[in-house]
Amino acid sequence: MNIATASSAGLPRAAPQARAMHQLLLQEFCMSLFKKILVPIDGSDTADKAMRMALDMARESLASVRFLHVFDHAPEFNGYALSGDLRSHAFDHAKNLLQNAMDAASALGVNADTQLINQPGQRLGENVADAVENWGADLVVVGSHGRRGLGRLLLGSGAEQVMRLSPVPVLMVRGA
């Protein structure tokens, strides 16, 4: 098989078989890198974009995906108590997000599961780092809103927390 590439010296172009072999080797290399992909989701467009990218990666590399939703206790810590009905609605919403993610994984034939974290007093990045350690994830795929300036100061950057605290590589997917 001829695997030479074209050059100014007039070497022949790579044979189609060589390109196919290269693609196969690259795919096998990538498949060995990431077997467990953790995807924090919150229902935002950027999280949905990250979820789709993670599912595509998992489908190509035969990896497993865990969808993670961290229940937000921030209103309670800011002096706003959530009523029982509102808390129940928030948990139902979180379960629906996770179910929709599972449906998307199933439609693509990707092995997936979910985790809902309800840990008051712990930041998103800490929860994700703990989930990575507990599940043995190889990669985190997270959506980033790309906030800057006052928006970042007031709302913070969950993706940045995840990136700083994760013990494994983080793929940040930017919003539109």
C-alpha atoms as a PDB file:
ATOM      1  CA  MET A   1       0.000   0.000   0.000  1.00  0.00           C
ATOM      2  CA  ASN A   2       1.327   3.432  -0.944  1.00  0.00           C
ATOM      3  CA  ILE A   3       1.042   5.931   1.895  1.00  0.00           C
ATOM      4  CA  ALA A   4       3.215   8.679   0.431  1.00  0.00           C
ATOM      5  CA  THR A   5       1.720  12.108  -0.074  1.00  0.00           C
ATOM      6  CA  ALA A   6       2.097  14.512  -2.956  1.00  0.00           C
ATOM      7  CA  SER A   7       4.966  16.966  -2.772  1.00  0.00           C
ATOM      8  CA  SER A   8       6.928  19.224  -5.037  1.00  0.00           C
ATOM      9  CA  ALA A   9       9.284  16.265  -5.629  1.00  0.00           C
ATOM     10  CA  GLY A  10       6.477  14.540  -7.520  1.00  0.00           C
ATOM     11  CA  LEU A  11       5.728  11.736  -5.053  1.00  0.00           C
ATOM     12  CA  PRO A  12       2.378  10.035  -5.717  1.00  0.00           C
ATOM     13  CA  ARG A  13      -0.731  11.156  -3.823  1.00  0.00           C
ATOM     14  CA  ALA A  14      -1.870   9.032  -0.897  1.00  0.00           C
ATOM     15  CA  ALA A  15      -3.901   6.071  -2.022  1.00  0.00           C
ATOM     16  CA  PRO A  16      -7.546   5.952  -0.902  1.00  0.00           C
ATOM     17  CA  GLN A  17      -6.686   2.860   1.144  1.00  0.00           C
ATOM     18  CA  ALA A  18      -4.018   4.812   3.027  1.00  0.00           C
ATOM     19  CA  ARG A  19      -6.457   7.610   3.835  1.00  0.00           C
ATOM     20  CA  ALA A  20      -8.985   5.048   5.044  1.00  0.00           C
ATOM     21  CA  MET A  21      -6.312   3.392   7.184  1.00  0.00           C
ATOM     22  CA  HIS A  22      -5.328   6.756   8.654  1.00  0.00           C
ATOM     23  CA  GLN A  23      -8.978   7.525   9.461  1.00  0.00           C
ATOM     24  CA  LEU A  24      -9.399   4.117  11.093  1.00  0.00           C
ATOM     25  CA  LEU A  25      -6.259   4.550  13.219  1.00  0.00           C
ATOM     26  CA  LEU A  26      -7.384   8.027  14.260  1.00  0.00           C
ATOM     27  CA  GLN A  27     -10.824   6.720  15.209  1.00  0.00           C
ATOM     28  CA  GLU A  28      -9.320   3.865  17.247  1.00  0.00           C
ATOM     29  CA  PHE A  29      -7.012   6.321  19.019  1.00  0.00           C
ATOM     30  CA  CYS A  30      -9.930   8.610  19.882  1.00  0.00           C
ATOM     31  CA  MET A  31     -12.040   5.659  20.991  1.00  0.00           C
ATOM     32  CA  SER A  32      -9.403   4.747  23.544  1.00  0.00           C
ATOM     33  CA  LEU A  33      -9.256   8.256  24.994  1.00  0.00           C
ATOM     34  CA  PHE A  34     -12.772   8.848  26.270  1.00  0.00           C
ATOM     35  CA  LYS A  35     -14.998   6.031  27.481  1.00  0.00           C
ATOM     36  CA  LYS A  36     -17.100   7.960  30.012  1.00  0.00           C
ATOM     37  CA  ILE A  37     -18.351  11.448  29.180  1.00  0.00           C
ATOM     38  CA  LEU A  38     -20.060  13.553  31.852  1.00  0.00           C
ATOM     39  CA  VAL A  39     -22.448  16.244  30.606  1.00  0.00           C
ATOM     40  CA  PRO A  40     -23.898  18.802  33.044  1.00  0.00           C
ATOM     41  CA  ILE A  41     -27.259  20.031  31.731  1.00  0.00           C
ATOM     42  CA  ASP A  42     -29.554  22.833  32.850  1.00  0.00           C
ATOM     43  CA  GLY A  43     -32.019  23.180  29.988  1.00  0.00           C
ATOM     44  CA  SER A  44     -30.240  26.150  28.390  1.00  0.00           C
ATOM     45  CA  ASP A  45     -29.477  26.322  24.680  1.00  0.00           C
ATOM     46  CA  THR A  46     -25.742  26.091  25.384  1.00  0.00           C
ATOM     47  CA  ALA A  47     -26.193  22.992  27.549  1.00  0.00           C
ATOM     48  CA  ASP A  48     -28.299  21.433  24.779  1.00  0.00           C
ATOM     49  CA  LYS A  49     -25.548  22.193  22.269  1.00  0.00           C
ATOM     50  CA  ALA A  50     -22.965  20.571  24.587  1.00  0.00           C
ATOM     51  CA  MET A  51     -25.253  17.564  25.034  1.00  0.00           C
ATOM     52  CA  ARG A  52     -25.561  17.079  21.263  1.00  0.00           C
ATOM     53  CA  MET A  53     -21.792  17.315  20.818  1.00  0.00           C
ATOM     54  CA  ALA A  54     -21.188  14.813  23.634  1.00  0.00           C
ATOM     55  CA  LEU A  55     -23.715  12.410  22.131  1.00  0.00           C
ATOM     56  CA  ASP A  56     -22.041  12.643  18.724  1.00  0.00           C
ATOM     57  CA  MET A  57     -18.649  11.987  20.306  1.00  0.00           C
ATOM     58  CA  ALA A  58     -20.022   9.073  22.322  1.00  0.00           C
ATOM     59  CA  ARG A  59     -21.691   7.532  19.293  1.00  0.00           C
ATOM     60  CA  GLU A  60     -18.446   7.708  17.298  1.00  0.00           C
ATOM     61  CA  SER A  61     -16.238   6.369  20.091  1.00  0.00           C
ATOM     62  CA  LEU A  62     -18.693   3.917  21.683  1.00  0.00           C
ATOM     63  CA  ALA A  63     -18.441   5.834  24.967  1.00  0.00           C
ATOM     64  CA  SER A  64     -21.025   6.058  27.742  1.00  0.00           C
ATOM     65  CA  VAL A  65     -22.598   9.348  28.747  1.00  0.00           C
ATOM     66  CA  ARG A  66     -23.867  10.486  32.115  1.00  0.00           C
ATOM     67  CA  PHE A  67     -26.187  13.474  32.127  1.00  0.00           C
ATOM     68  CA  LEU A  68     -25.894  15.479  35.319  1.00  0.00           C
ATOM     69  CA  HIS A  69     -28.258  18.092  36.674  1.00  0.00           C
ATOM     70  CA  VAL A  70     -27.375  19.999  39.813  1.00  0.00           C
ATOM     71  CA  PHE A  71     -30.398  21.361  41.664  1.00  0.00           C
ATOM     72  CA  ASP A  72     -29.832  25.077  42.237  1.00  0.00           C
ATOM     73  CA  HIS A  73     -30.195  26.139  45.869  1.00  0.00           C
ATOM     74  CA  ALA A  74     -29.016  29.720  45.225  1.00  0.00           C
ATOM     75  CA  PRO A  75     -32.455  31.320  45.837  1.00  0.00           C
ATOM     76  CA  GLU A  76     -32.577  29.728  49.295  1.00  0.00           C
ATOM     77  CA  PHE A  77     -29.157  31.103  50.177  1.00  0.00           C
ATOM     78  CA  ASN A  78     -30.206  34.574  49.043  1.00  0.00           C
ATOM     79  CA  GLY A  79     -33.044  34.674  51.555  1.00  0.00           C
ATOM     80  CA  TYR A  80     -35.836  33.379  49.308  1.00  0.00           C
ATOM     81  CA  ALA A  81     -37.425  30.241  50.666  1.00  0.00           C
ATOM     82  CA  LEU A  82     -38.880  27.927  48.061  1.00  0.00           C
ATOM     83  CA  SER A  83     -42.369  26.735  48.851  1.00  0.00           C
ATOM     84  CA  GLY A  84     -43.110  23.033  48.760  1.00  0.00           C
ATOM     85  CA  ASP A  85     -45.010  23.391  45.471  1.00  0.00           C
ATOM     86  CA  LEU A  86     -42.258  25.444  43.845  1.00  0.00           C
ATOM     87  CA  ARG A  87     -39.577  23.015  45.036  1.00  0.00           C
ATOM     88  CA  SER A  88     -41.626  20.088  43.716  1.00  0.00           C
ATOM     89  CA  HIS A  89     -42.052  21.864  40.362  1.00  0.00           C
ATOM     90  CA  ALA A  90     -38.290  22.512  40.173  1.00  0.00           C
ATOM     91  CA  PHE A  91     -37.518  18.832  40.813  1.00  0.00           C
ATOM     92  CA  ASP A  92     -40.086  17.764  38.204  1.00  0.00           C
ATOM     93  CA  HIS A  93     -38.456  20.136  35.725  1.00  0.00           C
ATOM     94  CA  ALA A  94     -35.021  18.661  36.498  1.00  0.00           C
ATOM     95  CA  LYS A  95     -36.325  15.116  36.010  1.00  0.00           C
ATOM     96  CA  ASN A  96     -37.876  16.138  32.672  1.00  0.00           C
ATOM     97  CA  LEU A  97     -34.560  17.622  31.520  1.00  0.00           C
ATOM     98  CA  LEU A  98     -32.790  14.379  32.354  1.00  0.00           C
ATOM     99  CA  GLN A  99     -35.477  12.269  30.679  1.00  0.00           C
ATOM    100  CA  ASN A 100     -35.270  14.369  27.503  1.00  0.00           C
ATOM    101  CA  ALA A 101     -31.495  13.858  27.467  1.00  0.00           C
ATOM    102  CA  MET A 102     -31.983  10.106  27.862  1.00  0.00           C
ATOM    103  CA  ASP A 103     -34.458  10.117  24.977  1.00  0.00           C
ATOM    104  CA  ALA A 104     -31.896  11.901  22.777  1.00  0.00           C
ATOM    105  CA  ALA A 105     -29.221   9.349  23.730  1.00  0.00           C
ATOM    106  CA  SER A 106     -31.567   6.448  23.056  1.00  0.00           C
ATOM    107  CA  ALA A 107     -32.469   7.838  19.626  1.00  0.00           C
ATOM    108  CA  LEU A 108     -28.760   7.783  18.710  1.00  0.00           C
ATOM    109  CA  GLY A 109     -28.074   4.401  20.282  1.00  0.00           C
ATOM    110  CA  VAL A 110     -25.756   5.871  22.930  1.00  0.00           C
ATOM    111  CA  ASN A 111     -25.424   4.148  26.295  1.00  0.00           C
ATOM    112  CA  ALA A 112     -26.401   6.769  28.884  1.00  0.00           C
ATOM    113  CA  ASP A 113     -27.665   7.325  32.399  1.00  0.00           C
ATOM    114  CA  THR A 114     -28.546  10.286  34.605  1.00  0.00           C
ATOM    115  CA  GLN A 115     -27.728  11.768  37.964  1.00  0.00           C
ATOM    116  CA  LEU A 116     -29.604  14.478  39.857  1.00  0.00           C
ATOM    117  CA  ILE A 117     -27.579  16.178  42.571  1.00  0.00           C
ATOM    118  CA  ASN A 118     -29.309  17.953  45.423  1.00  0.00           C
ATOM    119  CA  GLN A 119     -26.404  19.168  47.551  1.00  0.00           C
ATOM    120  CA  PRO A 120     -27.093  22.495  49.295  1.00  0.00           C
ATOM    121  CA  GLY A 121     -24.077  24.689  49.894  1.00  0.00           C
ATOM    122  CA  GLN A 122     -21.868  23.233  47.170  1.00  0.00           C
ATOM    123  CA  ARG A 123     -21.055  25.074  43.946  1.00  0.00           C
ATOM    124  CA  LEU A 124     -21.641  23.629  40.492  1.00  0.00           C
ATOM    125  CA  GLY A 125     -17.933  23.069  39.843  1.00  0.00           C
ATOM    126  CA  GLU A 126     -17.533  21.162  43.101  1.00  0.00           C
ATOM    127  CA  ASN A 127     -20.543  18.975  42.344  1.00  0.00           C
ATOM    128  CA  VAL A 128     -19.264  18.199  38.856  1.00  0.00           C
ATOM    129  CA  ALA A 129     -15.751  17.414  40.137  1.00  0.00           C
ATOM    130  CA  ASP A 130     -17.239  15.034  42.725  1.00  0.00           C
ATOM    131  CA  ALA A 131     -19.397  13.370  40.055  1.00  0.00           C
ATOM    132  CA  VAL A 132     -16.337  12.931  37.821  1.00  0.00           C
ATOM    133  CA  GLU A 133     -14.439  11.230  40.641  1.00  0.00           C
ATOM    134  CA  ASN A 134     -17.359   9.030  41.724  1.00  0.00           C
ATOM    135  CA  TRP A 135     -18.240   7.820  38.217  1.00  0.00           C
ATOM    136  CA  GLY A 136     -14.708   7.743  36.807  1.00  0.00           C
ATOM    137  CA  ALA A 137     -15.420  10.073  33.897  1.00  0.00           C
ATOM    138  CA  ASP A 138     -12.684  10.679  31.310  1.00  0.00           C
ATOM    139  CA  LEU A 139     -14.121  13.915  29.922  1.00  0.00           C
ATOM    140  CA  VAL A 140     -16.590  16.644  30.846  1.00  0.00           C
ATOM    141  CA  VAL A 141     -18.498  18.401  28.055  1.00  0.00           C
ATOM    142  CA  VAL A 142     -20.101  21.619  29.256  1.00  0.00           C
ATOM    143  CA  GLY A 143     -21.876  24.511  27.594  1.00  0.00           C
ATOM    144  CA  SER A 144     -20.615  28.031  28.175  1.00  0.00           C
ATOM    145  CA  HIS A 145     -22.691  31.167  27.775  1.00  0.00           C
ATOM    146  CA  GLY A 146     -19.524  33.199  27.275  1.00  0.00           C
ATOM    147  CA  ARG A 147     -20.563  35.931  29.685  1.00  0.00           C
ATOM    148  CA  ARG A 148     -18.210  38.835  30.174  1.00  0.00           C
ATOM    149  CA  GLY A 149     -18.094  41.933  32.301  1.00  0.00           C
ATOM    150  CA  LEU A 150     -20.977  42.653  34.657  1.00  0.00           C
ATOM    151  CA  GLY A 151     -22.983  39.576  33.583  1.00  0.00           C
ATOM    152  CA  ARG A 152     -20.092  37.324  34.521  1.00  0.00           C
ATOM    153  CA  LEU A 153     -19.550  39.179  37.783  1.00  0.00           C
ATOM    154  CA  LEU A 154     -23.213  38.975  38.815  1.00  0.00           C
ATOM    155  CA  LEU A 155     -24.114  35.548  37.441  1.00  0.00           C
ATOM    156  CA  GLY A 156     -20.722  33.862  37.636  1.00  0.00           C
ATOM    157  CA  SER A 157     -19.460  31.301  35.217  1.00  0.00           C
ATOM    158  CA  GLY A 158     -20.448  27.744  35.980  1.00  0.00           C
ATOM    159  CA  ALA A 159     -18.401  26.482  33.026  1.00  0.00           C
ATOM    160  CA  GLU A 160     -15.319  28.252  34.338  1.00  0.00           C
ATOM    161  CA  GLN A 161     -15.835  26.639  37.773  1.00  0.00           C
ATOM    162  CA  VAL A 162     -16.118  23.248  36.107  1.00  0.00           C
ATOM    163  CA  MET A 163     -12.959  23.842  34.098  1.00  0.00           C
ATOM    164  CA  ARG A 164     -10.984  24.964  37.160  1.00  0.00           C
ATOM    165  CA  LEU A 165     -12.095  22.153  39.456  1.00  0.00           C
ATOM    166  CA  SER A 166     -12.402  19.174  37.111  1.00  0.00           C
ATOM    167  CA  PRO A 167      -9.743  16.488  37.532  1.00  0.00           C
ATOM    168  CA  VAL A 168     -10.211  15.448  33.859  1.00  0.00           C
ATOM    169  CA  PRO A 169     -10.213  17.354  30.549  1.00  0.00           C
ATOM    170  CA  VAL A 170     -13.134  19.696  29.928  1.00  0.00           C
ATOM    171  CA  LEU A 171     -14.529  20.474  26.501  1.00  0.00           C
ATOM    172  CA  MET A 172     -16.309  23.828  26.586  1.00  0.00           C
ATOM    173  CA  VAL A 173     -18.972  24.300  23.942  1.00  0.00           C
ATOM    174  CA  ARG A 174     -19.749  27.941  23.270  1.00  0.00           C
ATOM    175  CA  GLY A 175     -23.298  29.127  22.763  1.00  0.00           C
ATOM    176  CA  ALA A 176     -24.466  30.660  19.516  1.00  0.00           C
END
